[in-house]
Amino acid sequence: MERLHCSKVCLFQPSSNLKIRVVVLQEKYRGLSREDQAIAARLERLKESHRPEPAPSQAEIETRLQGLKGDRPPPPTEQEMAARLAQLKGNITFTQK
């Protein structure tokens, strides 16, 4: 920032980047009422804050899947399921080994 010297008050001159931003914003919202300008500015802030995360890579997906799978026992066989069901119903069944 450049400092302008006055006899009573020290004033600051805005930087060129700030001047450019102000001009761009003024052109962007030209013709809108104050309420519409506020809504447009809020909408732009919301869009910036809700950027979607990039999709995970194939390697990340495979790593996550392996973590979810873990070491599980194999699913029960048809005979084991029938024996469990019979036990729950109170029936006694004999299984052949």
N, C-alpha and C. Protein backbone atom coordinates (compact mmCIF):
# COMPACT_ATOMS: atom_id res chain seq x y z
N MET A 1 0.83 -1.17 0.00
CA MET A 1 0.00 0.00 0.00
C MET A 1 0.88 1.24 0.00
N GLU A 2 0.44 2.18 -0.76
CA GLU A 2 1.17 3.43 -0.80
C GLU A 2 0.56 4.40 0.21
N ARG A 3 1.39 5.11 0.85
CA ARG A 3 0.92 6.05 1.87
C ARG A 3 0.96 7.45 1.29
N LEU A 4 -0.17 8.13 1.37
CA LEU A 4 -0.24 9.53 0.93
C LEU A 4 -0.14 10.42 2.18
N HIS A 5 0.66 11.43 2.11
CA HIS A 5 0.84 12.29 3.26
C HIS A 5 -0.03 13.52 3.15
N CYS A 6 -0.78 13.75 4.17
CA CYS A 6 -1.59 14.96 4.28
C CYS A 6 -1.14 15.71 5.53
N SER A 7 -1.59 16.90 5.65
CA SER A 7 -1.19 17.68 6.81
C SER A 7 -1.89 17.21 8.08
N LYS A 8 -3.13 16.73 7.96
CA LYS A 8 -3.87 16.35 9.17
C LYS A 8 -4.07 14.83 9.30
N VAL A 9 -4.33 14.16 8.21
CA VAL A 9 -4.68 12.74 8.27
C VAL A 9 -3.78 11.97 7.30
N CYS A 10 -3.36 10.80 7.72
CA CYS A 10 -2.58 9.92 6.84
C CYS A 10 -3.56 9.02 6.09
N LEU A 11 -3.54 9.05 4.78
CA LEU A 11 -4.45 8.25 3.97
C LEU A 11 -3.67 7.13 3.27
N PHE A 12 -4.35 6.02 3.01
CA PHE A 12 -3.75 4.92 2.30
C PHE A 12 -4.39 4.79 0.94
N GLN A 13 -3.61 4.52 -0.04
CA GLN A 13 -4.13 4.28 -1.38
C GLN A 13 -4.23 2.76 -1.54
N PRO A 14 -5.40 2.26 -1.98
CA PRO A 14 -5.56 0.81 -2.11
C PRO A 14 -4.62 0.24 -3.17
N SER A 15 -4.27 -1.03 -3.00
CA SER A 15 -3.38 -1.67 -3.96
C SER A 15 -4.10 -1.87 -5.29
N SER A 16 -3.33 -2.11 -6.33
CA SER A 16 -3.93 -2.28 -7.66
C SER A 16 -4.78 -3.54 -7.72
N ASN A 17 -4.40 -4.59 -6.98
CA ASN A 17 -5.21 -5.82 -6.96
C ASN A 17 -6.60 -5.56 -6.38
N LEU A 18 -6.65 -4.77 -5.33
CA LEU A 18 -7.94 -4.44 -4.72
C LEU A 18 -8.79 -3.63 -5.68
N LYS A 19 -8.17 -2.69 -6.37
CA LYS A 19 -8.91 -1.89 -7.34
C LYS A 19 -9.49 -2.77 -8.44
N ILE A 20 -8.72 -3.71 -8.92
CA ILE A 20 -9.20 -4.63 -9.97
C ILE A 20 -10.37 -5.46 -9.47
N ARG A 21 -10.25 -5.98 -8.24
CA ARG A 21 -11.34 -6.79 -7.68
C ARG A 21 -12.63 -5.99 -7.54
N VAL A 22 -12.50 -4.75 -7.11
CA VAL A 22 -13.68 -3.89 -6.95
C VAL A 22 -14.34 -3.64 -8.30
N VAL A 23 -13.54 -3.37 -9.33
CA VAL A 23 -14.09 -3.13 -10.67
C VAL A 23 -14.80 -4.39 -11.18
N VAL A 24 -14.18 -5.55 -10.99
CA VAL A 24 -14.79 -6.81 -11.45
C VAL A 24 -16.11 -7.06 -10.74
N LEU A 25 -16.14 -6.86 -9.44
CA LEU A 25 -17.38 -7.07 -8.68
C LEU A 25 -18.46 -6.07 -9.09
N GLN A 26 -18.08 -4.84 -9.33
CA GLN A 26 -19.06 -3.84 -9.76
C GLN A 26 -19.66 -4.22 -11.11
N GLU A 27 -18.84 -4.68 -12.03
CA GLU A 27 -19.34 -5.10 -13.34
C GLU A 27 -20.22 -6.34 -13.22
N LYS A 28 -19.84 -7.22 -12.32
CA LYS A 28 -20.58 -8.48 -12.16
C LYS A 28 -21.99 -8.23 -11.65
N TYR A 29 -22.13 -7.29 -10.72
CA TYR A 29 -23.42 -7.06 -10.09
C TYR A 29 -24.13 -5.82 -10.63
N ARG A 30 -23.70 -5.30 -11.76
CA ARG A 30 -24.32 -4.10 -12.34
C ARG A 30 -25.76 -4.40 -12.71
N GLY A 31 -26.65 -3.51 -12.38
CA GLY A 31 -28.06 -3.66 -12.72
C GLY A 31 -28.86 -4.43 -11.69
N LEU A 32 -28.22 -4.92 -10.64
CA LEU A 32 -28.94 -5.66 -9.60
C LEU A 32 -29.25 -4.73 -8.43
N SER A 33 -30.38 -4.98 -7.78
CA SER A 33 -30.70 -4.21 -6.59
C SER A 33 -29.75 -4.65 -5.46
N ARG A 34 -29.75 -3.89 -4.37
CA ARG A 34 -28.87 -4.22 -3.24
C ARG A 34 -29.19 -5.61 -2.69
N GLU A 35 -30.49 -5.94 -2.60
CA GLU A 35 -30.88 -7.25 -2.09
C GLU A 35 -30.40 -8.36 -3.01
N ASP A 36 -30.54 -8.14 -4.32
CA ASP A 36 -30.09 -9.13 -5.29
C ASP A 36 -28.57 -9.27 -5.26
N GLN A 37 -27.87 -8.16 -5.06
CA GLN A 37 -26.42 -8.22 -4.96
C GLN A 37 -26.00 -9.04 -3.74
N ALA A 38 -26.70 -8.84 -2.62
CA ALA A 38 -26.39 -9.59 -1.40
C ALA A 38 -26.65 -11.08 -1.62
N ILE A 39 -27.76 -11.40 -2.29
CA ILE A 39 -28.09 -12.80 -2.57
C ILE A 39 -27.05 -13.42 -3.50
N ALA A 40 -26.65 -12.70 -4.53
CA ALA A 40 -25.66 -13.21 -5.48
C ALA A 40 -24.31 -13.44 -4.78
N ALA A 41 -23.92 -12.51 -3.93
CA ALA A 41 -22.66 -12.66 -3.20
C ALA A 41 -22.72 -13.87 -2.26
N ARG A 42 -23.84 -14.04 -1.58
CA ARG A 42 -24.00 -15.18 -0.68
C ARG A 42 -23.97 -16.49 -1.45
N LEU A 43 -24.64 -16.53 -2.59
CA LEU A 43 -24.65 -17.73 -3.42
C LEU A 43 -23.24 -18.08 -3.89
N GLU A 44 -22.48 -17.09 -4.25
CA GLU A 44 -21.10 -17.33 -4.70
C GLU A 44 -20.25 -17.88 -3.56
N ARG A 45 -20.42 -17.33 -2.35
CA ARG A 45 -19.68 -17.86 -1.19
C ARG A 45 -20.07 -19.29 -0.90
N LEU A 46 -21.37 -19.62 -1.02
CA LEU A 46 -21.82 -21.00 -0.79
C LEU A 46 -21.23 -21.95 -1.81
N LYS A 47 -21.18 -21.52 -3.07
CA LYS A 47 -20.60 -22.36 -4.12
C LYS A 47 -19.14 -22.64 -3.84
N GLU A 48 -18.41 -21.64 -3.38
CA GLU A 48 -17.00 -21.81 -3.09
C GLU A 48 -16.78 -22.72 -1.89
N SER A 49 -17.66 -22.65 -0.90
CA SER A 49 -17.46 -23.44 0.32
C SER A 49 -17.90 -24.89 0.15
N HIS A 50 -18.69 -25.21 -0.85
CA HIS A 50 -19.19 -26.56 -1.05
C HIS A 50 -18.59 -27.22 -2.29
N ARG A 51 -17.31 -27.10 -2.44
CA ARG A 51 -16.63 -27.73 -3.57
C ARG A 51 -16.61 -29.24 -3.34
N PRO A 52 -16.97 -30.03 -4.35
CA PRO A 52 -16.94 -31.48 -4.16
C PRO A 52 -15.51 -31.99 -4.04
N GLU A 53 -15.36 -33.03 -3.23
CA GLU A 53 -14.04 -33.63 -3.08
C GLU A 53 -13.74 -34.45 -4.33
N PRO A 54 -12.47 -34.53 -4.70
CA PRO A 54 -12.14 -35.35 -5.87
C PRO A 54 -12.44 -36.82 -5.61
N ALA A 55 -12.81 -37.53 -6.66
CA ALA A 55 -13.13 -38.95 -6.53
C ALA A 55 -11.88 -39.72 -6.13
N PRO A 56 -12.05 -40.73 -5.26
CA PRO A 56 -10.87 -41.51 -4.85
C PRO A 56 -10.32 -42.33 -6.02
N SER A 57 -9.03 -42.58 -5.97
CA SER A 57 -8.39 -43.36 -7.02
C SER A 57 -8.75 -44.84 -6.86
N GLN A 58 -8.44 -45.61 -7.87
CA GLN A 58 -8.73 -47.06 -7.83
C GLN A 58 -7.97 -47.72 -6.68
N ALA A 59 -6.74 -47.30 -6.44
CA ALA A 59 -5.94 -47.88 -5.36
C ALA A 59 -6.57 -47.58 -4.00
N GLU A 60 -7.08 -46.34 -3.81
CA GLU A 60 -7.73 -45.99 -2.55
C GLU A 60 -9.00 -46.82 -2.34
N ILE A 61 -9.75 -47.02 -3.40
CA ILE A 61 -10.98 -47.81 -3.29
C ILE A 61 -10.65 -49.24 -2.89
N GLU A 62 -9.62 -49.82 -3.53
CA GLU A 62 -9.24 -51.20 -3.20
C GLU A 62 -8.74 -51.31 -1.77
N THR A 63 -7.98 -50.31 -1.30
CA THR A 63 -7.50 -50.32 0.08
C THR A 63 -8.65 -50.25 1.07
N ARG A 64 -9.61 -49.38 0.80
CA ARG A 64 -10.79 -49.27 1.68
C ARG A 64 -11.59 -50.55 1.70
N LEU A 65 -11.75 -51.17 0.52
CA LEU A 65 -12.52 -52.40 0.43
C LEU A 65 -11.85 -53.52 1.22
N GLN A 66 -10.53 -53.62 1.13
CA GLN A 66 -9.81 -54.64 1.90
C GLN A 66 -9.99 -54.40 3.40
N GLY A 67 -9.98 -53.13 3.81
CA GLY A 67 -10.18 -52.81 5.21
C GLY A 67 -11.58 -53.17 5.69
N LEU A 68 -12.56 -53.01 4.82
CA LEU A 68 -13.93 -53.36 5.19
C LEU A 68 -14.13 -54.87 5.24
N LYS A 69 -13.53 -55.56 4.29
CA LYS A 69 -13.68 -57.02 4.24
C LYS A 69 -13.03 -57.68 5.44
N GLY A 70 -11.80 -57.34 5.70
CA GLY A 70 -11.09 -57.93 6.82
C GLY A 70 -10.98 -59.44 6.67
N ASP A 71 -10.75 -60.12 7.79
CA ASP A 71 -10.68 -61.58 7.80
C ASP A 71 -11.99 -62.12 8.33
N ARG A 72 -12.85 -62.49 7.43
CA ARG A 72 -14.14 -63.05 7.82
C ARG A 72 -14.12 -64.57 7.65
N PRO A 73 -14.86 -65.27 8.50
CA PRO A 73 -14.98 -66.71 8.29
C PRO A 73 -15.84 -66.97 7.05
N PRO A 74 -15.66 -68.12 6.42
CA PRO A 74 -16.47 -68.42 5.24
C PRO A 74 -17.94 -68.53 5.62
N PRO A 75 -18.84 -68.27 4.71
CA PRO A 75 -20.27 -68.37 5.03
C PRO A 75 -20.65 -69.83 5.35
N PRO A 76 -21.68 -70.02 6.18
CA PRO A 76 -22.06 -71.38 6.55
C PRO A 76 -22.61 -72.16 5.34
N THR A 77 -22.40 -73.46 5.39
CA THR A 77 -22.91 -74.32 4.32
C THR A 77 -24.41 -74.50 4.48
N GLU A 78 -25.00 -75.12 3.49
CA GLU A 78 -26.44 -75.36 3.53
C GLU A 78 -26.82 -76.28 4.68
N GLN A 79 -25.99 -77.28 4.95
CA GLN A 79 -26.26 -78.21 6.05
C GLN A 79 -26.17 -77.50 7.40
N GLU A 80 -25.17 -76.62 7.56
CA GLU A 80 -25.04 -75.90 8.81
C GLU A 80 -26.24 -74.97 9.04
N MET A 81 -26.71 -74.36 7.98
CA MET A 81 -27.88 -73.49 8.11
C MET A 81 -29.12 -74.29 8.49
N ALA A 82 -29.29 -75.45 7.87
CA ALA A 82 -30.44 -76.30 8.20
C ALA A 82 -30.36 -76.75 9.65
N ALA A 83 -29.17 -77.08 10.14
CA ALA A 83 -29.01 -77.50 11.53
C ALA A 83 -29.33 -76.35 12.48
N ARG A 84 -28.88 -75.17 12.16
CA ARG A 84 -29.19 -74.00 13.00
C ARG A 84 -30.69 -73.73 13.06
N LEU A 85 -31.34 -73.81 11.90
CA LEU A 85 -32.77 -73.57 11.84
C LEU A 85 -33.53 -74.61 12.65
N ALA A 86 -33.11 -75.85 12.54
CA ALA A 86 -33.77 -76.91 13.30
C ALA A 86 -33.56 -76.69 14.80
N GLN A 87 -32.39 -76.26 15.18
CA GLN A 87 -32.11 -76.00 16.59
C GLN A 87 -32.98 -74.86 17.11
N LEU A 88 -33.14 -73.81 16.30
CA LEU A 88 -33.99 -72.69 16.71
C LEU A 88 -35.45 -73.11 16.85
N LYS A 89 -35.90 -74.00 15.96
CA LYS A 89 -37.28 -74.47 16.02
C LYS A 89 -37.48 -75.50 17.12
N GLY A 90 -36.40 -76.02 17.65
CA GLY A 90 -36.52 -77.01 18.71
C GLY A 90 -36.50 -78.43 18.18
N ASN A 91 -36.28 -78.63 16.92
CA ASN A 91 -36.20 -79.96 16.35
C ASN A 91 -34.79 -80.51 16.53
N ILE A 92 -34.70 -81.77 16.76
CA ILE A 92 -33.41 -82.40 16.85
C ILE A 92 -33.15 -83.12 15.54
N THR A 93 -32.03 -82.81 14.96
CA THR A 93 -31.68 -83.47 13.69
C THR A 93 -30.33 -84.12 13.86
N PHE A 94 -30.15 -85.18 13.13
CA PHE A 94 -28.88 -85.87 13.15
C PHE A 94 -28.18 -85.56 11.82
N THR A 95 -26.97 -85.14 11.94
CA THR A 95 -26.21 -84.85 10.73
C THR A 95 -25.22 -85.95 10.48
N GLN A 96 -24.99 -86.23 9.24
CA GLN A 96 -24.02 -87.25 8.87
C GLN A 96 -22.67 -86.59 8.68
N LYS A 97 -21.65 -87.25 9.17
CA LYS A 97 -20.30 -86.73 9.00
C LYS A 97 -19.47 -87.68 8.20
